[in-house]
C-alpha atoms as a PDB file:
ATOM      1  CA  MET A   1      19.026 -25.049  12.118  1.00  0.00           C
ATOM      2  CA  GLU A   2      17.135 -22.630  14.220  1.00  0.00           C
ATOM      3  CA  ALA A   3      14.238 -20.788  12.543  1.00  0.00           C
ATOM      4  CA  ILE A   4      14.816 -16.615  12.213  1.00  0.00           C
ATOM      5  CA  ARG A   5      12.622 -14.670  14.909  1.00  0.00           C
ATOM      6  CA  VAL A   6      10.695 -11.880  13.527  1.00  0.00           C
ATOM      7  CA  ALA A   7       8.449  -9.613  15.561  1.00  0.00           C
ATOM      8  CA  ILE A   8       5.923  -7.236  14.363  1.00  0.00           C
ATOM      9  CA  ALA A   9       4.681  -3.283  15.919  1.00  0.00           C
ATOM     10  CA  GLY A  10       1.718  -2.356  14.820  1.00  0.00           C
ATOM     11  CA  ALA A  11      -1.378  -4.277  14.468  1.00  0.00           C
ATOM     12  CA  GLY A  12      -3.210  -2.800  11.680  1.00  0.00           C
ATOM     13  CA  ASN A  13      -4.161  -3.852   8.383  1.00  0.00           C
ATOM     14  CA  VAL A  14      -0.411  -4.177   6.345  1.00  0.00           C
ATOM     15  CA  ALA A  15       0.893  -5.729   9.806  1.00  0.00           C
ATOM     16  CA  ALA A  16      -2.005  -8.345   9.821  1.00  0.00           C
ATOM     17  CA  HIS A  17      -1.840  -9.975   6.533  1.00  0.00           C
ATOM     18  CA  LEU A  18       2.511  -9.857   7.053  1.00  0.00           C
ATOM     19  CA  ALA A  19       1.703 -11.536  10.376  1.00  0.00           C
ATOM     20  CA  ALA A  20      -0.313 -14.131   8.810  1.00  0.00           C
ATOM     21  CA  GLY A  21       2.003 -14.785   5.953  1.00  0.00           C
ATOM     22  CA  ILE A  22       5.253 -14.734   8.091  1.00  0.00           C
ATOM     23  CA  ALA A  23       3.343 -17.180  10.615  1.00  0.00           C
ATOM     24  CA  THR A  24       3.492 -19.511   8.017  1.00  0.00           C
ATOM     25  CA  ALA A  25       6.551 -19.357   6.100  1.00  0.00           C
ATOM     26  CA  ASP A  26       9.311 -22.032   6.320  1.00  0.00           C
ATOM     27  CA  GLY A  27      12.448 -21.173   8.333  1.00  0.00           C
ATOM     28  CA  TYR A  28      10.584 -17.988  10.008  1.00  0.00           C
ATOM     29  CA  GLU A  29       9.209 -17.859  13.593  1.00  0.00           C
ATOM     30  CA  LEU A  30       6.586 -15.163  14.382  1.00  0.00           C
ATOM     31  CA  VAL A  31       7.498 -14.467  17.934  1.00  0.00           C
ATOM     32  CA  ALA A  32       5.316 -11.268  18.931  1.00  0.00           C
ATOM     33  CA  VAL A  33       2.774  -8.815  17.992  1.00  0.00           C
ATOM     34  CA  ALA A  34       2.915  -5.466  20.087  1.00  0.00           C
ATOM     35  CA  SER A  35       0.187  -2.226  19.753  1.00  0.00           C
ATOM     36  CA  ARG A  36       0.049   0.181  22.473  1.00  0.00           C
ATOM     37  CA  ASN A  37      -3.306  -2.189  23.136  1.00  0.00           C
ATOM     38  CA  PRO A  38      -2.178  -5.533  22.543  1.00  0.00           C
ATOM     39  CA  SER A  39      -5.616  -6.659  22.757  1.00  0.00           C
ATOM     40  CA  ASN A  40      -5.024  -5.564  19.386  1.00  0.00           C
ATOM     41  CA  ALA A  41      -2.243  -7.242  18.296  1.00  0.00           C
ATOM     42  CA  GLU A  42      -4.645 -10.791  19.404  1.00  0.00           C
ATOM     43  CA  ASN A  43      -5.210 -13.516  17.045  1.00  0.00           C
ATOM     44  CA  LEU A  44      -2.646 -12.066  14.527  1.00  0.00           C
ATOM     45  CA  GLY A  45       0.279 -14.610  13.567  1.00  0.00           C
ATOM     46  CA  ALA A  46       0.172 -18.090  15.051  1.00  0.00           C
ATOM     47  CA  ALA A  47      -1.284 -19.613  17.944  1.00  0.00           C
ATOM     48  CA  THR A  48       2.205 -19.572  19.697  1.00  0.00           C
ATOM     49  CA  THR A  49       2.347 -15.795  18.594  1.00  0.00           C
ATOM     50  CA  ALA A  50       2.931 -13.402  21.803  1.00  0.00           C
ATOM     51  CA  ALA A  51       0.423 -10.693  21.898  1.00  0.00           C
ATOM     52  CA  CYS A  52       2.814  -7.285  23.600  1.00  0.00           C
ATOM     53  CA  ARG A  53       3.058  -3.580  23.776  1.00  0.00           C
ATOM     54  CA  TYR A  54       5.468  -1.824  22.370  1.00  0.00           C
ATOM     55  CA  GLY A  55       7.760  -1.604  25.373  1.00  0.00           C
ATOM     56  CA  ASP A  56       8.039  -5.717  25.257  1.00  0.00           C
ATOM     57  CA  LEU A  57       9.253  -6.291  21.977  1.00  0.00           C
ATOM     58  CA  ALA A  58      12.956  -6.186  23.123  1.00  0.00           C
ATOM     59  CA  SER A  59      12.584  -8.708  25.584  1.00  0.00           C
ATOM     60  CA  PHE A  60      12.014 -11.397  22.618  1.00  0.00           C
ATOM     61  CA  ALA A  61      15.516 -10.537  21.251  1.00  0.00           C
ATOM     62  CA  PRO A  62      13.873 -10.652  17.462  1.00  0.00           C
ATOM     63  CA  ASP A  63      16.848 -11.292  14.402  1.00  0.00           C
ATOM     64  CA  ILE A  64      14.114  -9.575  12.642  1.00  0.00           C
ATOM     65  CA  LEU A  65      11.391  -6.086  14.297  1.00  0.00           C
ATOM     66  CA  ILE A  66       8.681  -5.006  11.286  1.00  0.00           C
ATOM     67  CA  VAL A  67       7.399  -1.881  12.796  1.00  0.00           C
ATOM     68  CA  SER A  68       4.442  -1.786  10.761  1.00  0.00           C
ATOM     69  CA  VAL A  69       2.680   1.792  12.057  1.00  0.00           C
ATOM     70  CA  ALA A  70       1.123   4.859  10.476  1.00  0.00           C
ATOM     71  CA  ASP A  71       3.884   7.726   9.216  1.00  0.00           C
ATOM     72  CA  LYS A  72       2.259  10.027  11.670  1.00  0.00           C
ATOM     73  CA  ALA A  73       2.890   7.569  14.527  1.00  0.00           C
ATOM     74  CA  ILE A  74       6.189   6.466  14.108  1.00  0.00           C
ATOM     75  CA  ASP A  75       8.099   8.913  16.384  1.00  0.00           C
ATOM     76  CA  ASP A  76       5.411   7.915  19.488  1.00  0.00           C
ATOM     77  CA  VAL A  77       5.714   4.357  18.751  1.00  0.00           C
ATOM     78  CA  THR A  78       9.501   4.363  17.898  1.00  0.00           C
ATOM     79  CA  ALA A  79      10.302   6.004  20.824  1.00  0.00           C
ATOM     80  CA  ALA A  80       7.625   3.231  23.290  1.00  0.00           C
ATOM     81  CA  ILE A  81       9.776   0.559  21.413  1.00  0.00           C
ATOM     82  CA  GLY A  82      13.165   1.994  22.778  1.00  0.00           C
ATOM     83  CA  PRO A  83      16.508   0.025  21.460  1.00  0.00           C
ATOM     84  CA  MET A  84      16.563  -3.318  20.550  1.00  0.00           C
ATOM     85  CA  PRO A  85      19.219  -5.504  21.249  1.00  0.00           C
ATOM     86  CA  PRO A  86      22.228  -4.656  18.935  1.00  0.00           C
ATOM     87  CA  ASN A  87      22.061  -8.010  16.095  1.00  0.00           C
ATOM     88  CA  THR A  88      18.279  -7.266  15.637  1.00  0.00           C
ATOM     89  CA  VAL A  89      17.671  -5.717  11.981  1.00  0.00           C
ATOM     90  CA  VAL A  90      13.901  -3.698  12.586  1.00  0.00           C
ATOM     91  CA  ALA A  91      12.480  -2.683   9.092  1.00  0.00           C
ATOM     92  CA  LEU A  92       9.389   0.244   8.171  1.00  0.00           C
ATOM     93  CA  THR A  93       6.817  -1.008   5.936  1.00  0.00           C
ATOM     94  CA  SER A  94       6.372   2.772   4.684  1.00  0.00           C
ATOM     95  CA  GLY A  95       6.854   3.679   1.553  1.00  0.00           C
ATOM     96  CA  THR A  96       7.568   7.591   2.101  1.00  0.00           C
ATOM     97  CA  LEU A  97       9.461   7.031   5.018  1.00  0.00           C
ATOM     98  CA  ALA A  98      13.582   6.732   5.615  1.00  0.00           C
ATOM     99  CA  LYS A  99      14.773   4.163   6.957  1.00  0.00           C
ATOM    100  CA  GLU A 100      16.462   6.489   9.286  1.00  0.00           C
ATOM    101  CA  ARG A 101      13.176   7.678  11.424  1.00  0.00           C
ATOM    102  CA  LEU A 102      13.804   3.849  12.658  1.00  0.00           C
ATOM    103  CA  ALA A 103      17.228   5.441  13.893  1.00  0.00           C
ATOM    104  CA  PRO A 104      16.508   5.138  17.722  1.00  0.00           C
ATOM    105  CA  LEU A 105      15.907   1.163  17.266  1.00  0.00           C
ATOM    106  CA  SER A 106      18.599   0.230  15.274  1.00  0.00           C
ATOM    107  CA  ALA A 107      21.401   1.139  12.951  1.00  0.00           C
ATOM    108  CA  ARG A 108      20.796  -2.423  11.547  1.00  0.00           C
ATOM    109  CA  ASN A 109      17.816  -0.307  10.077  1.00  0.00           C
ATOM    110  CA  GLY A 110      15.830  -0.937   6.477  1.00  0.00           C
ATOM    111  CA  ILE A 111      12.601  -1.242   4.464  1.00  0.00           C
ATOM    112  CA  PHE A 112      10.634  -3.808   3.880  1.00  0.00           C
ATOM    113  CA  TYR A 113       7.322  -1.876   1.632  1.00  0.00           C
ATOM    114  CA  PRO A 114       4.737  -4.312   0.112  1.00  0.00           C
ATOM    115  CA  PHE A 115       3.542  -2.781  -2.593  1.00  0.00           C
ATOM    116  CA  GLN A 116      -0.692  -3.316  -2.462  1.00  0.00           C
ATOM    117  CA  THR A 117      -3.536  -2.534  -0.437  1.00  0.00           C
ATOM    118  CA  PHE A 118      -4.740  -3.888   2.912  1.00  0.00           C
ATOM    119  CA  THR A 119      -7.645  -4.273   4.502  1.00  0.00           C
ATOM    120  CA  LYS A 120      -7.859  -6.405   7.426  1.00  0.00           C
ATOM    121  CA  GLY A 121     -10.681  -9.302   6.823  1.00  0.00           C
ATOM    122  CA  TYR A 122     -10.338  -9.163   2.627  1.00  0.00           C
ATOM    123  CA  ALA A 123      -7.968 -11.614   1.769  1.00  0.00           C
ATOM    124  CA  THR A 124      -4.429 -10.561  -0.742  1.00  0.00           C
ATOM    125  CA  ASP A 125      -2.686 -13.263  -1.977  1.00  0.00           C
ATOM    126  CA  LEU A 126       0.884 -11.854  -0.410  1.00  0.00           C
ATOM    127  CA  GLY A 127       2.260 -14.482  -3.439  1.00  0.00           C
ATOM    128  CA  CYS A 128       1.398 -11.637  -5.810  1.00  0.00           C
ATOM    129  CA  VAL A 129       2.357  -8.748  -4.035  1.00  0.00           C
ATOM    130  CA  PRO A 130       6.112  -7.071  -5.291  1.00  0.00           C
ATOM    131  CA  PHE A 131       7.951  -5.830  -2.356  1.00  0.00           C
ATOM    132  CA  PHE A 132      10.596  -3.438  -2.530  1.00  0.00           C
ATOM    133  CA  ILE A 133      13.731  -3.468   0.322  1.00  0.00           C
ATOM    134  CA  GLU A 134      16.069  -0.938   1.560  1.00  0.00           C
ATOM    135  CA  GLY A 135      19.000  -1.769   3.824  1.00  0.00           C
ATOM    136  CA  ALA A 136      21.568   0.523   5.873  1.00  0.00           C
ATOM    137  CA  THR A 137      23.984  -1.747   4.472  1.00  0.00           C
ATOM    138  CA  GLY A 138      24.028  -4.419   1.794  1.00  0.00           C
ATOM    139  CA  GLN A 139      23.574  -6.857   5.087  1.00  0.00           C
ATOM    140  CA  GLU A 140      20.697  -5.577   5.844  1.00  0.00           C
ATOM    141  CA  ALA A 141      19.200  -5.327   2.651  1.00  0.00           C
ATOM    142  CA  GLU A 142      19.724  -9.468   2.003  1.00  0.00           C
ATOM    143  CA  ILE A 143      18.176 -10.428   4.955  1.00  0.00           C
ATOM    144  CA  LEU A 144      14.592  -8.423   4.313  1.00  0.00           C
ATOM    145  CA  ALA A 145      14.982  -9.535   0.779  1.00  0.00           C
ATOM    146  CA  THR A 146      15.097 -13.476   2.253  1.00  0.00           C
ATOM    147  CA  LEU A 147      12.457 -12.743   4.148  1.00  0.00           C
ATOM    148  CA  ALA A 148       9.889 -11.048   1.260  1.00  0.00           C
ATOM    149  CA  ARG A 149      11.035 -14.297  -1.158  1.00  0.00           C
ATOM    150  CA  LYS A 150       9.774 -16.482   1.774  1.00  0.00           C
ATOM    151  CA  LEU A 151       6.137 -14.372   0.769  1.00  0.00           C
ATOM    152  CA  SER A 152       5.910 -12.900  -2.709  1.00  0.00           C
ATOM    153  CA  ARG A 153       8.030 -13.838  -5.988  1.00  0.00           C
ATOM    154  CA  SER A 154       8.085 -10.125  -6.693  1.00  0.00           C
ATOM    155  CA  VAL A 155      10.981  -8.975  -4.722  1.00  0.00           C
ATOM    156  CA  HIS A 156      12.750  -5.995  -5.987  1.00  0.00           C
ATOM    157  CA  PHE A 157      15.574  -2.757  -4.199  1.00  0.00           C
ATOM    158  CA  ALA A 158      14.401   0.333  -4.221  1.00  0.00           C
ATOM    159  CA  ASP A 159      15.855   3.853  -2.893  1.00  0.00           C
ATOM    160  CA  ALA A 160      14.452   6.581  -0.946  1.00  0.00           C
ATOM    161  CA  ALA A 161      13.377   8.671  -3.690  1.00  0.00           C
ATOM    162  CA  HIS A 162      12.655   5.622  -6.165  1.00  0.00           C
ATOM    163  CA  ARG A 163      10.072   4.372  -3.555  1.00  0.00           C
ATOM    164  CA  GLN A 164       8.480   7.864  -2.992  1.00  0.00           C
ATOM    165  CA  GLN A 165       7.615   8.520  -6.876  1.00  0.00           C
ATOM    166  CA  LEU A 166       6.534   4.473  -6.477  1.00  0.00           C
ATOM    167  CA  HIS A 167       4.079   5.225  -3.372  1.00  0.00           C
ATOM    168  CA  ILE A 168       2.665   8.490  -5.556  1.00  0.00           C
ATOM    169  CA  ALA A 169       1.789   6.037  -8.033  1.00  0.00           C
ATOM    170  CA  GLY A 170       0.190   3.733  -6.081  1.00  0.00           C
ATOM    171  CA  VAL A 171      -2.009   6.713  -4.716  1.00  0.00           C
ATOM    172  CA  PHE A 172      -3.309   7.054  -8.310  1.00  0.00           C
ATOM    173  CA  THR A 173      -3.396   3.548  -8.491  1.00  0.00           C
ATOM    174  CA  SER A 174      -5.611   2.734  -5.586  1.00  0.00           C
ATOM    175  CA  ASN A 175      -6.368   5.634  -3.828  1.00  0.00           C
ATOM    176  CA  PHE A 176      -7.746   7.660  -5.970  1.00  0.00           C
ATOM    177  CA  THR A 177      -9.079   5.066  -8.637  1.00  0.00           C
ATOM    178  CA  ASN A 178     -11.132   4.044  -5.223  1.00  0.00           C
ATOM    179  CA  THR A 179     -12.615   6.896  -4.948  1.00  0.00           C
ATOM    180  CA  ILE A 180     -13.622   7.543  -8.599  1.00  0.00           C
ATOM    181  CA  ILE A 181     -15.392   4.300  -8.066  1.00  0.00           C
ATOM    182  CA  GLY A 182     -17.397   5.311  -5.378  1.00  0.00           C
ATOM    183  CA  VAL A 183     -18.235   8.136  -7.543  1.00  0.00           C
ATOM    184  CA  VAL A 184     -19.517   5.109 -10.379  1.00  0.00           C
ATOM    185  CA  GLN A 185     -21.366   3.736  -7.621  1.00  0.00           C
ATOM    186  CA  THR A 186     -23.141   7.171  -6.725  1.00  0.00           C
ATOM    187  CA  ILE A 187     -24.320   7.810 -10.427  1.00  0.00           C
ATOM    188  CA  LEU A 188     -25.611   4.144 -10.395  1.00  0.00           C
ATOM    189  CA  ASP A 189     -27.427   4.346  -6.989  1.00  0.00           C
ATOM    190  CA  ASN A 190     -28.906   7.486  -7.998  1.00  0.00           C
ATOM    191  CA  ALA A 191     -30.247   6.142 -11.574  1.00  0.00           C
ATOM    192  CA  GLY A 192     -31.487   3.044 -10.014  1.00  0.00           C
ATOM    193  CA  PHE A 193     -29.385   0.512 -11.505  1.00  0.00           C
ATOM    194  CA  SER A 194     -27.607  -1.990  -9.687  1.00  0.00           C
ATOM    195  CA  ARG A 195     -23.766  -1.910  -8.934  1.00  0.00           C
ATOM    196  CA  ASP A 196     -22.542  -4.546 -10.845  1.00  0.00           C
ATOM    197  CA  VAL A 197     -23.516  -2.806 -14.490  1.00  0.00           C
ATOM    198  CA  ALA A 198     -19.995  -1.495 -14.455  1.00  0.00           C
ATOM    199  CA  VAL A 199     -17.823  -4.351 -13.183  1.00  0.00           C
ATOM    200  CA  PRO A 200     -17.230  -5.548 -16.699  1.00  0.00           C
ATOM    201  CA  LEU A 201     -16.375  -2.324 -18.039  1.00  0.00           C
ATOM    202  CA  LEU A 202     -14.146  -2.018 -14.940  1.00  0.00           C
ATOM    203  CA  ASN A 203     -12.390  -4.842 -15.336  1.00  0.00           C
ATOM    204  CA  GLN A 204     -11.856  -4.445 -19.542  1.00  0.00           C
ATOM    205  CA  THR A 205     -10.348  -1.209 -18.278  1.00  0.00           C
ATOM    206  CA  LEU A 206      -7.813  -2.399 -16.641  1.00  0.00           C
ATOM    207  CA  ALA A 207      -6.979  -5.607 -18.177  1.00  0.00           C
ATOM    208  CA  LYS A 208      -7.140  -2.804 -21.758  1.00  0.00           C
ATOM    209  CA  ALA A 209      -4.429  -0.477 -20.100  1.00  0.00           C
ATOM    210  CA  ALA A 210      -2.295  -2.893 -18.538  1.00  0.00           C
ATOM    211  CA  GLU A 211      -1.869  -4.596 -21.811  1.00  0.00           C
ATOM    212  CA  ILE A 212      -1.480  -1.982 -24.417  1.00  0.00           C
ATOM    213  CA  GLY A 213      -1.071   0.645 -21.987  1.00  0.00           C
ATOM    214  CA  ALA A 214      -3.170   3.524 -20.581  1.00  0.00           C
ATOM    215  CA  TYR A 215      -2.880   5.939 -23.386  1.00  0.00           C
ATOM    216  CA  ALA A 216      -3.564   3.461 -26.742  1.00  0.00           C
ATOM    217  CA  ALA A 217      -6.955   2.456 -24.299  1.00  0.00           C
ATOM    218  CA  GLN A 218      -8.680   5.313 -23.654  1.00  0.00           C
ATOM    219  CA  THR A 219     -11.811   6.671 -24.788  1.00  0.00           C
ATOM    220  CA  GLY A 220     -14.759   8.533 -24.499  1.00  0.00           C
ATOM    221  CA  PRO A 221     -15.647  12.435 -25.414  1.00  0.00           C
ATOM    222  CA  ALA A 222     -12.722  13.715 -24.057  1.00  0.00           C
ATOM    223  CA  VAL A 223     -10.154  11.659 -26.215  1.00  0.00           C
ATOM    224  CA  ARG A 224     -12.678  12.658 -28.823  1.00  0.00           C
ATOM    225  CA  GLY A 225     -12.663  16.374 -27.799  1.00  0.00           C
ATOM    226  CA  ASP A 226     -16.546  16.107 -27.829  1.00  0.00           C
ATOM    227  CA  ILE A 227     -17.224  19.306 -25.825  1.00  0.00           C
ATOM    228  CA  ALA A 228     -21.136  19.006 -26.014  1.00  0.00           C
ATOM    229  CA  VAL A 229     -21.419  15.660 -24.463  1.00  0.00           C
ATOM    230  CA  MET A 230     -19.252  16.421 -21.795  1.00  0.00           C
ATOM    231  CA  LYS A 231     -21.098  19.943 -21.104  1.00  0.00           C
ATOM    232  CA  LYS A 232     -24.303  17.443 -21.258  1.00  0.00           C
ATOM    233  CA  GLN A 233     -22.790  15.347 -19.033  1.00  0.00           C
ATOM    234  CA  LEU A 234     -21.533  18.368 -16.385  1.00  0.00           C
ATOM    235  CA  GLU A 235     -24.878  19.407 -15.975  1.00  0.00           C
ATOM    236  CA  GLU A 236     -26.468  15.948 -15.002  1.00  0.00           C
ATOM    237  CA  LEU A 237     -24.035  15.507 -12.561  1.00  0.00           C
ATOM    238  CA  PRO A 238     -24.152  16.288  -8.850  1.00  0.00           C
ATOM    239  CA  GLU A 239     -22.348  19.787  -8.255  1.00  0.00           C
ATOM    240  CA  GLU A 240     -19.787  18.163  -6.123  1.00  0.00           C
ATOM    241  CA  PHE A 241     -18.442  16.146  -8.820  1.00  0.00           C
ATOM    242  CA  ARG A 242     -17.682  18.117 -11.188  1.00  0.00           C
ATOM    243  CA  PRO A 243     -14.391  19.511 -10.396  1.00  0.00           C
ATOM    244  CA  THR A 244     -13.043  16.183 -10.535  1.00  0.00           C
ATOM    245  CA  TYR A 245     -15.274  15.664 -13.844  1.00  0.00           C
ATOM    246  CA  ARG A 246     -13.763  18.834 -15.253  1.00  0.00           C
ATOM    247  CA  ALA A 247     -10.107  18.186 -14.261  1.00  0.00           C
ATOM    248  CA  LEU A 248      -9.739  14.305 -15.724  1.00  0.00           C
ATOM    249  CA  SER A 249     -11.170  15.666 -19.301  1.00  0.00           C
ATOM    250  CA  GLN A 250      -9.221  18.885 -19.208  1.00  0.00           C
ATOM    251  CA  LEU A 251      -6.167  15.944 -18.903  1.00  0.00           C
ATOM    252  CA  ILE A 252      -7.663  13.589 -21.429  1.00  0.00           C
ATOM    253  CA  MET A 253      -7.420  16.277 -23.401  1.00  0.00           C
ATOM    254  CA  SER A 254      -4.135  17.383 -23.018  1.00  0.00           C
ATOM    255  CA  GLN A 255      -2.298  14.058 -22.686  1.00  0.00           C
ATOM    256  CA  HIS A 256      -3.929  13.512 -26.555  1.00  0.00           C
ATOM    257  CA  ASN A 257      -3.511  17.053 -27.509  1.00  0.00           C
ATOM    258  CA  ILE A 258      -7.224  18.266 -28.257  1.00  0.00           C
ATOM    259  CA  PRO A 259      -6.936  21.259 -28.774  1.00  0.00           C
ATOM    260  CA  TYR A 260     -10.169  22.748 -26.340  1.00  0.00           C
ATOM    261  CA  GLU A 261     -10.422  26.989 -24.288  1.00  0.00           C
ATOM    262  CA  GLN A 262     -10.323  26.250 -20.719  1.00  0.00           C
ATOM    263  CA  ASN A 263     -13.438  28.077 -20.322  1.00  0.00           C
ATOM    264  CA  GLN A 264     -14.998  25.583 -22.557  1.00  0.00           C
ATOM    265  CA  LEU A 265     -15.815  23.371 -19.988  1.00  0.00           C
END
């Protein structure tokens, strides 16, 4: 049986990890990785994978084309790619865009969304990454789900409305959390502590929240309603971090029905 031919448009963080996974997936062949500048796509995938420009993708006649570019670039990229062969299934990796944005490429379109943060050069086990699939019809959805199952043990179906909520949850889970960790690192640096001292606390916080739920796991001055401690810590904080501390403390108190006045913090 011939391998299913896959191409990727994009050479960024998500594309790099998908290329590595698809290149070694049983029954699949990664035939091309395209970028506006082909040199950006070199060294992604297997040694036999071609690096090309977006406009060259149709010539490879892939069975599946995965478009993995920044949301703001999608219209320019689809214009550069142009119509694909009629049998090609085209999928977006976006958590926010609708599959219909790929209509200029093919009516056989869908979504291939990995719910994970990716950084080039930082290893990620795709087998643990949840993939969320949508297709123009059930046939396209199953074609994309079959590929996802070669990469991951966690494959799900989600329409655009549910995927939007998932992406918002992802922003809170990863992007905002990472920013808060950056604040922690700054505070520790300024106080002369090693950043490592916060790692056990971070690990325990995540483990507890995952096991018993964030509400039950919450501790600290806000859940106790200890206004005096919070006011003292606000005074100690650099000015740029005070609005975040204040907003999060007020959110904790609201969630736990702790009475307070807006002007107390």
